[in-house]
Amino acid sequence: MRRFCLILFGSGHLDGSEIHEATYSLLALAKMGVEVDIFAPDRMQMHALNHYTKEDENYNRNILNESARIARGNIRPLKDLDIQSYAGLVIPGGFGVLKNNSNFPSELSEMIINTELEQIVKAFHEAKKVICAICIVPSILALIFKDKNVTLCTGLAPNYLKELEFTNNNIVAISSSDCIIDNDNKLITTPAFMNDAPFNVVYEGIEKAISEMIKLS
């Protein structure tokens, strides 16, 4: 049976991974009979936010420990990820994924992506293994693959396309029920909560993206 890996970067969309996107990805993989291993980096978050008040907490959190909440404890440190063991990679979104993997709050055009994440993404790409990126993660891929003319999605807000023009990639604005497939580069992307979409629509897009990922693998 083909095996996939999924990477989390905390628990909560404002300072980590978006919980619904993570669980929807795991649900879709399970429904399709695919085995998945979950990984997260063992380091501290950029910061911790109260998701009710939107205010900073006065303490920080470990990304691996927080991600274990979503994985129900069945998780491994990202440094242990063996790319050769997997047919593909899934990365759910959340604003925290960008915060925890860049020099945020720099402008997008000046952002530097975390070396560990960039190396993993490029290794999967060079091995011609499929990558499924959700929500804000396609924008991170646009930075990693700057000037490579890859095709990725973003949300429908007009500023999203404008903000990514400098990457010289083919960025397509789509609804959350859909996904974009770059067959040549084996990249599948869906915008999820980049749009103001209800839960069922976000799940529809993620399920479609996961299904296409399995076909492409």
C-alpha atoms as a PDB file:
ATOM      1  CA  MET A   1       0.000   0.000   0.000  1.00  0.00           C
ATOM      2  CA  ARG A   2       1.224   3.486  -0.872  1.00  0.00           C
ATOM      3  CA  ARG A   3       2.126   5.572   2.152  1.00  0.00           C
ATOM      4  CA  PHE A   4       1.952   9.330   2.503  1.00  0.00           C
ATOM      5  CA  CYS A   5       3.239  11.758   5.100  1.00  0.00           C
ATOM      6  CA  LEU A   6       1.561  14.848   6.513  1.00  0.00           C
ATOM      7  CA  ILE A   7       3.371  17.719   8.230  1.00  0.00           C
ATOM      8  CA  LEU A   8       1.846  19.858  10.978  1.00  0.00           C
ATOM      9  CA  PHE A   9       3.159  23.086  12.462  1.00  0.00           C
ATOM     10  CA  GLY A  10       1.122  23.472  15.645  1.00  0.00           C
ATOM     11  CA  SER A  11      -2.559  23.469  16.570  1.00  0.00           C
ATOM     12  CA  GLY A  12      -4.657  26.495  15.650  1.00  0.00           C
ATOM     13  CA  HIS A  13      -4.786  28.551  12.457  1.00  0.00           C
ATOM     14  CA  LEU A  14      -3.457  31.808  13.907  1.00  0.00           C
ATOM     15  CA  ASP A  15      -0.229  30.397  15.330  1.00  0.00           C
ATOM     16  CA  GLY A  16      -0.013  26.846  13.962  1.00  0.00           C
ATOM     17  CA  SER A  17      -1.763  24.503  11.528  1.00  0.00           C
ATOM     18  CA  GLU A  18      -5.454  24.956  10.759  1.00  0.00           C
ATOM     19  CA  ILE A  19      -7.126  22.170  12.722  1.00  0.00           C
ATOM     20  CA  HIS A  20     -10.006  21.550  10.311  1.00  0.00           C
ATOM     21  CA  GLU A  21      -7.736  21.418   7.263  1.00  0.00           C
ATOM     22  CA  ALA A  22      -5.514  18.928   9.082  1.00  0.00           C
ATOM     23  CA  THR A  23      -8.390  16.693  10.186  1.00  0.00           C
ATOM     24  CA  TYR A  24     -10.131  16.923   6.800  1.00  0.00           C
ATOM     25  CA  SER A  25      -6.888  15.809   5.127  1.00  0.00           C
ATOM     26  CA  LEU A  26      -6.537  12.874   7.518  1.00  0.00           C
ATOM     27  CA  LEU A  27     -10.209  11.962   7.061  1.00  0.00           C
ATOM     28  CA  ALA A  28      -9.943  12.019   3.253  1.00  0.00           C
ATOM     29  CA  LEU A  29      -6.802   9.876   3.338  1.00  0.00           C
ATOM     30  CA  ALA A  30      -8.474   7.384   5.672  1.00  0.00           C
ATOM     31  CA  LYS A  31     -11.638   7.205   3.537  1.00  0.00           C
ATOM     32  CA  MET A  32      -9.481   6.376   0.519  1.00  0.00           C
ATOM     33  CA  GLY A  33      -7.653   3.623   2.367  1.00  0.00           C
ATOM     34  CA  VAL A  34      -4.284   5.363   2.375  1.00  0.00           C
ATOM     35  CA  GLU A  35      -1.801   5.023   5.220  1.00  0.00           C
ATOM     36  CA  VAL A  36      -0.286   8.240   6.543  1.00  0.00           C
ATOM     37  CA  ASP A  37       2.436   9.173   9.007  1.00  0.00           C
ATOM     38  CA  ILE A  38       2.371  12.557  10.748  1.00  0.00           C
ATOM     39  CA  PHE A  39       5.418  14.713  11.436  1.00  0.00           C
ATOM     40  CA  ALA A  40       6.135  18.086  13.024  1.00  0.00           C
ATOM     41  CA  PRO A  41       9.316  20.037  13.786  1.00  0.00           C
ATOM     42  CA  ASP A  42      10.574  19.867  17.370  1.00  0.00           C
ATOM     43  CA  ARG A  43      11.081  23.587  17.952  1.00  0.00           C
ATOM     44  CA  MET A  44       9.234  26.546  19.409  1.00  0.00           C
ATOM     45  CA  GLN A  45       6.441  28.446  17.668  1.00  0.00           C
ATOM     46  CA  MET A  46       7.003  32.044  16.606  1.00  0.00           C
ATOM     47  CA  HIS A  47       4.430  33.008  19.216  1.00  0.00           C
ATOM     48  CA  ALA A  48       1.203  31.771  20.798  1.00  0.00           C
ATOM     49  CA  LEU A  49      -2.137  33.507  20.323  1.00  0.00           C
ATOM     50  CA  ASN A  50      -5.393  33.301  22.220  1.00  0.00           C
ATOM     51  CA  HIS A  51      -7.765  32.275  19.436  1.00  0.00           C
ATOM     52  CA  TYR A  52     -10.724  33.849  21.256  1.00  0.00           C
ATOM     53  CA  THR A  53      -9.303  37.303  22.023  1.00  0.00           C
ATOM     54  CA  LYS A  54      -6.700  37.266  19.191  1.00  0.00           C
ATOM     55  CA  GLU A  55      -4.161  38.524  21.733  1.00  0.00           C
ATOM     56  CA  ASP A  56      -0.652  37.241  22.353  1.00  0.00           C
ATOM     57  CA  GLU A  57      -0.235  34.735  25.158  1.00  0.00           C
ATOM     58  CA  ASN A  58       2.527  35.386  27.687  1.00  0.00           C
ATOM     59  CA  TYR A  59       4.194  32.034  26.994  1.00  0.00           C
ATOM     60  CA  ASN A  60       5.385  30.062  23.989  1.00  0.00           C
ATOM     61  CA  ARG A  61       4.616  26.543  22.774  1.00  0.00           C
ATOM     62  CA  ASN A  62       6.529  23.682  21.195  1.00  0.00           C
ATOM     63  CA  ILE A  63       5.344  22.896  17.637  1.00  0.00           C
ATOM     64  CA  LEU A  64       5.721  19.128  18.001  1.00  0.00           C
ATOM     65  CA  ASN A  65       3.848  19.044  21.308  1.00  0.00           C
ATOM     66  CA  GLU A  66       1.008  21.188  19.955  1.00  0.00           C
ATOM     67  CA  SER A  67       0.769  19.172  16.725  1.00  0.00           C
ATOM     68  CA  ALA A  68       0.497  15.983  18.787  1.00  0.00           C
ATOM     69  CA  ARG A  69      -2.923  17.234  19.940  1.00  0.00           C
ATOM     70  CA  ILE A  70      -4.250  16.865  16.380  1.00  0.00           C
ATOM     71  CA  ALA A  71      -2.356  13.616  15.736  1.00  0.00           C
ATOM     72  CA  ARG A  72      -3.657  12.106  18.992  1.00  0.00           C
ATOM     73  CA  GLY A  73      -0.049  11.589  20.010  1.00  0.00           C
ATOM     74  CA  ASN A  74       0.820   9.483  16.959  1.00  0.00           C
ATOM     75  CA  ILE A  75       3.479  11.811  15.569  1.00  0.00           C
ATOM     76  CA  ARG A  76       7.219  11.949  14.941  1.00  0.00           C
ATOM     77  CA  PRO A  77       9.840  14.711  14.810  1.00  0.00           C
ATOM     78  CA  LEU A  78      10.239  16.171  11.327  1.00  0.00           C
ATOM     79  CA  LYS A  79      13.972  15.403  11.348  1.00  0.00           C
ATOM     80  CA  ASP A  80      13.068  11.687  11.226  1.00  0.00           C
ATOM     81  CA  LEU A  81      11.136  11.974   7.953  1.00  0.00           C
ATOM     82  CA  ASP A  82      12.605   9.586   5.341  1.00  0.00           C
ATOM     83  CA  ILE A  83      11.405  10.857   1.979  1.00  0.00           C
ATOM     84  CA  GLN A  84      12.056   7.524   0.259  1.00  0.00           C
ATOM     85  CA  SER A  85       9.405   5.869   2.460  1.00  0.00           C
ATOM     86  CA  TYR A  86       6.553   7.969   1.065  1.00  0.00           C
ATOM     87  CA  ALA A  87       4.699   8.392  -2.205  1.00  0.00           C
ATOM     88  CA  GLY A  88       3.693  11.943  -1.417  1.00  0.00           C
ATOM     89  CA  LEU A  89       3.488  14.839   1.016  1.00  0.00           C
ATOM     90  CA  VAL A  90       0.472  16.694   2.422  1.00  0.00           C
ATOM     91  CA  ILE A  91       0.795  20.068   4.169  1.00  0.00           C
ATOM     92  CA  PRO A  92      -2.389  21.592   5.638  1.00  0.00           C
ATOM     93  CA  GLY A  93      -2.477  25.360   5.975  1.00  0.00           C
ATOM     94  CA  GLY A  94      -3.003  27.926   8.675  1.00  0.00           C
ATOM     95  CA  PHE A  95      -1.430  31.357   9.144  1.00  0.00           C
ATOM     96  CA  GLY A  96       0.847  29.771  11.719  1.00  0.00           C
ATOM     97  CA  VAL A  97       2.479  27.621   9.046  1.00  0.00           C
ATOM     98  CA  LEU A  98       3.810  30.786   7.410  1.00  0.00           C
ATOM     99  CA  LYS A  99       4.692  32.376  10.757  1.00  0.00           C
ATOM    100  CA  ASN A 100       6.583  29.306  11.958  1.00  0.00           C
ATOM    101  CA  ASN A 101       8.491  28.809   8.710  1.00  0.00           C
ATOM    102  CA  SER A 102       9.634  32.252   7.634  1.00  0.00           C
ATOM    103  CA  ASN A 103      11.010  35.568   8.777  1.00  0.00           C
ATOM    104  CA  PHE A 104       7.433  36.808   9.217  1.00  0.00           C
ATOM    105  CA  PRO A 105       6.279  39.629   9.386  1.00  0.00           C
ATOM    106  CA  SER A 106       8.421  40.586   6.379  1.00  0.00           C
ATOM    107  CA  GLU A 107       6.739  41.415   3.081  1.00  0.00           C
ATOM    108  CA  LEU A 108       6.154  38.326   0.933  1.00  0.00           C
ATOM    109  CA  SER A 109       8.761  39.487  -1.584  1.00  0.00           C
ATOM    110  CA  GLU A 110      11.375  39.574   1.199  1.00  0.00           C
ATOM    111  CA  MET A 111      10.407  36.386   2.974  1.00  0.00           C
ATOM    112  CA  ILE A 112      12.944  33.655   3.639  1.00  0.00           C
ATOM    113  CA  ILE A 113      11.441  30.187   4.096  1.00  0.00           C
ATOM    114  CA  ASN A 114      12.714  27.885   6.839  1.00  0.00           C
ATOM    115  CA  THR A 115      15.562  25.760   5.465  1.00  0.00           C
ATOM    116  CA  GLU A 116      14.222  22.455   6.824  1.00  0.00           C
ATOM    117  CA  LEU A 117      10.818  22.899   5.171  1.00  0.00           C
ATOM    118  CA  GLU A 118      12.319  24.146   1.905  1.00  0.00           C
ATOM    119  CA  GLN A 119      14.704  21.191   1.704  1.00  0.00           C
ATOM    120  CA  ILE A 120      11.897  18.674   2.315  1.00  0.00           C
ATOM    121  CA  VAL A 121       9.638  20.245  -0.312  1.00  0.00           C
ATOM    122  CA  LYS A 122      12.441  20.374  -2.883  1.00  0.00           C
ATOM    123  CA  ALA A 123      13.472  16.792  -2.109  1.00  0.00           C
ATOM    124  CA  PHE A 124       9.940  15.509  -2.757  1.00  0.00           C
ATOM    125  CA  HIS A 125       9.802  17.571  -5.951  1.00  0.00           C
ATOM    126  CA  GLU A 126      13.184  16.360  -7.200  1.00  0.00           C
ATOM    127  CA  ALA A 127      12.160  12.766  -6.456  1.00  0.00           C
ATOM    128  CA  LYS A 128       9.065  13.378  -8.620  1.00  0.00           C
ATOM    129  CA  LYS A 129       6.745  12.659  -5.704  1.00  0.00           C
ATOM    130  CA  VAL A 130       3.426  14.419  -5.395  1.00  0.00           C
ATOM    131  CA  ILE A 131       2.895  17.352  -3.017  1.00  0.00           C
ATOM    132  CA  CYS A 132      -0.569  18.425  -1.850  1.00  0.00           C
ATOM    133  CA  ALA A 133      -0.558  21.951  -0.400  1.00  0.00           C
ATOM    134  CA  ILE A 134      -3.568  23.527   1.282  1.00  0.00           C
ATOM    135  CA  CYS A 135      -4.666  27.113   2.067  1.00  0.00           C
ATOM    136  CA  ILE A 136      -1.652  29.393   2.606  1.00  0.00           C
ATOM    137  CA  VAL A 137       0.854  26.633   1.827  1.00  0.00           C
ATOM    138  CA  PRO A 138       0.577  27.127  -1.976  1.00  0.00           C
ATOM    139  CA  SER A 139       1.858  30.665  -1.374  1.00  0.00           C
ATOM    140  CA  ILE A 140       4.826  29.191   0.510  1.00  0.00           C
ATOM    141  CA  LEU A 141       5.455  26.864  -2.439  1.00  0.00           C
ATOM    142  CA  ALA A 142       5.319  29.875  -4.755  1.00  0.00           C
ATOM    143  CA  LEU A 143       8.207  31.357  -2.767  1.00  0.00           C
ATOM    144  CA  ILE A 144      10.159  28.085  -2.685  1.00  0.00           C
ATOM    145  CA  PHE A 145       9.697  27.593  -6.447  1.00  0.00           C
ATOM    146  CA  LYS A 146      10.175  31.260  -7.377  1.00  0.00           C
ATOM    147  CA  ASP A 147      10.771  31.707 -11.138  1.00  0.00           C
ATOM    148  CA  LYS A 148      10.126  27.973 -11.791  1.00  0.00           C
ATOM    149  CA  ASN A 149       6.802  28.563 -13.593  1.00  0.00           C
ATOM    150  CA  VAL A 150       4.863  26.121 -11.420  1.00  0.00           C
ATOM    151  CA  THR A 151       1.062  26.264 -11.304  1.00  0.00           C
ATOM    152  CA  LEU A 152      -0.534  26.837  -7.907  1.00  0.00           C
ATOM    153  CA  CYS A 153      -3.800  28.130  -6.495  1.00  0.00           C
ATOM    154  CA  THR A 154      -4.755  30.970  -4.237  1.00  0.00           C
ATOM    155  CA  GLY A 155      -8.008  32.364  -2.862  1.00  0.00           C
ATOM    156  CA  LEU A 156     -10.437  34.602  -4.727  1.00  0.00           C
ATOM    157  CA  ALA A 157      -9.528  37.940  -3.108  1.00  0.00           C
ATOM    158  CA  PRO A 158      -7.887  40.128  -5.824  1.00  0.00           C
ATOM    159  CA  ASN A 159      -4.921  41.080  -3.614  1.00  0.00           C
ATOM    160  CA  TYR A 160      -3.809  37.440  -3.325  1.00  0.00           C
ATOM    161  CA  LEU A 161      -2.854  37.265  -7.007  1.00  0.00           C
ATOM    162  CA  LYS A 162      -1.164  40.661  -6.905  1.00  0.00           C
ATOM    163  CA  GLU A 163       0.921  39.756  -3.852  1.00  0.00           C
ATOM    164  CA  LEU A 164       2.333  36.669  -5.603  1.00  0.00           C
ATOM    165  CA  GLU A 165       3.085  38.233  -9.012  1.00  0.00           C
ATOM    166  CA  PHE A 166       6.769  38.657  -8.164  1.00  0.00           C
ATOM    167  CA  THR A 167       7.248  34.862  -7.949  1.00  0.00           C
ATOM    168  CA  ASN A 168       6.699  34.590 -11.741  1.00  0.00           C
ATOM    169  CA  ASN A 169       4.646  31.446 -11.270  1.00  0.00           C
ATOM    170  CA  ASN A 170       1.223  30.623 -12.686  1.00  0.00           C
ATOM    171  CA  ILE A 171      -1.105  31.476  -9.797  1.00  0.00           C
ATOM    172  CA  VAL A 172      -4.806  30.719 -10.264  1.00  0.00           C
ATOM    173  CA  ALA A 173      -7.604  32.051  -8.046  1.00  0.00           C
ATOM    174  CA  ILE A 174     -10.216  29.356  -7.401  1.00  0.00           C
ATOM    175  CA  SER A 175     -13.075  28.530  -5.067  1.00  0.00           C
ATOM    176  CA  SER A 176     -12.532  26.361  -2.000  1.00  0.00           C
ATOM    177  CA  SER A 177     -14.496  23.468  -3.502  1.00  0.00           C
ATOM    178  CA  ASP A 178     -11.896  23.013  -6.228  1.00  0.00           C
ATOM    179  CA  CYS A 179      -8.197  22.257  -6.638  1.00  0.00           C
ATOM    180  CA  ILE A 180      -5.457  22.993  -9.155  1.00  0.00           C
ATOM    181  CA  ILE A 181      -3.318  20.195 -10.586  1.00  0.00           C
ATOM    182  CA  ASP A 182       0.169  20.835 -11.973  1.00  0.00           C
ATOM    183  CA  ASN A 183       0.803  17.465 -13.582  1.00  0.00           C
ATOM    184  CA  ASP A 184       4.327  18.279 -14.751  1.00  0.00           C
ATOM    185  CA  ASN A 185       5.510  19.278 -11.279  1.00  0.00           C
ATOM    186  CA  LYS A 186       3.203  16.940  -9.348  1.00  0.00           C
ATOM    187  CA  LEU A 187       1.755  19.793  -7.282  1.00  0.00           C
ATOM    188  CA  ILE A 188      -1.876  19.794  -6.168  1.00  0.00           C
ATOM    189  CA  THR A 189      -3.267  22.809  -4.360  1.00  0.00           C
ATOM    190  CA  THR A 190      -6.600  23.925  -2.889  1.00  0.00           C
ATOM    191  CA  PRO A 191      -7.360  27.270  -1.160  1.00  0.00           C
ATOM    192  CA  ALA A 192      -9.540  26.003   1.728  1.00  0.00           C
ATOM    193  CA  PHE A 193      -9.964  28.839   4.266  1.00  0.00           C
ATOM    194  CA  MET A 194      -8.115  31.357   2.090  1.00  0.00           C
ATOM    195  CA  ASN A 195     -11.708  31.993   1.026  1.00  0.00           C
ATOM    196  CA  ASP A 196     -14.612  32.710   3.370  1.00  0.00           C
ATOM    197  CA  ALA A 197     -16.042  29.249   2.788  1.00  0.00           C
ATOM    198  CA  PRO A 198     -18.174  26.990   5.004  1.00  0.00           C
ATOM    199  CA  PHE A 199     -16.707  23.814   6.464  1.00  0.00           C
ATOM    200  CA  ASN A 200     -18.389  21.448   3.996  1.00  0.00           C
ATOM    201  CA  VAL A 201     -17.056  23.374   0.983  1.00  0.00           C
ATOM    202  CA  VAL A 202     -13.535  23.373   2.404  1.00  0.00           C
ATOM    203  CA  TYR A 203     -13.782  19.625   2.950  1.00  0.00           C
ATOM    204  CA  GLU A 204     -15.000  19.140  -0.618  1.00  0.00           C
ATOM    205  CA  GLY A 205     -11.904  20.873  -1.990  1.00  0.00           C
ATOM    206  CA  ILE A 206      -9.520  19.012   0.293  1.00  0.00           C
ATOM    207  CA  GLU A 207     -11.111  15.646  -0.504  1.00  0.00           C
ATOM    208  CA  LYS A 208     -10.811  16.421  -4.214  1.00  0.00           C
ATOM    209  CA  ALA A 209      -7.158  17.433  -3.809  1.00  0.00           C
ATOM    210  CA  ILE A 210      -6.326  14.289  -1.811  1.00  0.00           C
ATOM    211  CA  SER A 211      -8.080  12.124  -4.412  1.00  0.00           C
ATOM    212  CA  GLU A 212      -6.080  13.723  -7.217  1.00  0.00           C
ATOM    213  CA  MET A 213      -2.886  13.334  -5.212  1.00  0.00           C
ATOM    214  CA  ILE A 214      -3.459   9.613  -4.887  1.00  0.00           C
ATOM    215  CA  LYS A 215      -4.144   9.296  -8.633  1.00  0.00           C
ATOM    216  CA  LEU A 216      -1.040  11.305  -9.514  1.00  0.00           C
ATOM    217  CA  SER A 217       1.166   9.245  -7.221  1.00  0.00           C
END
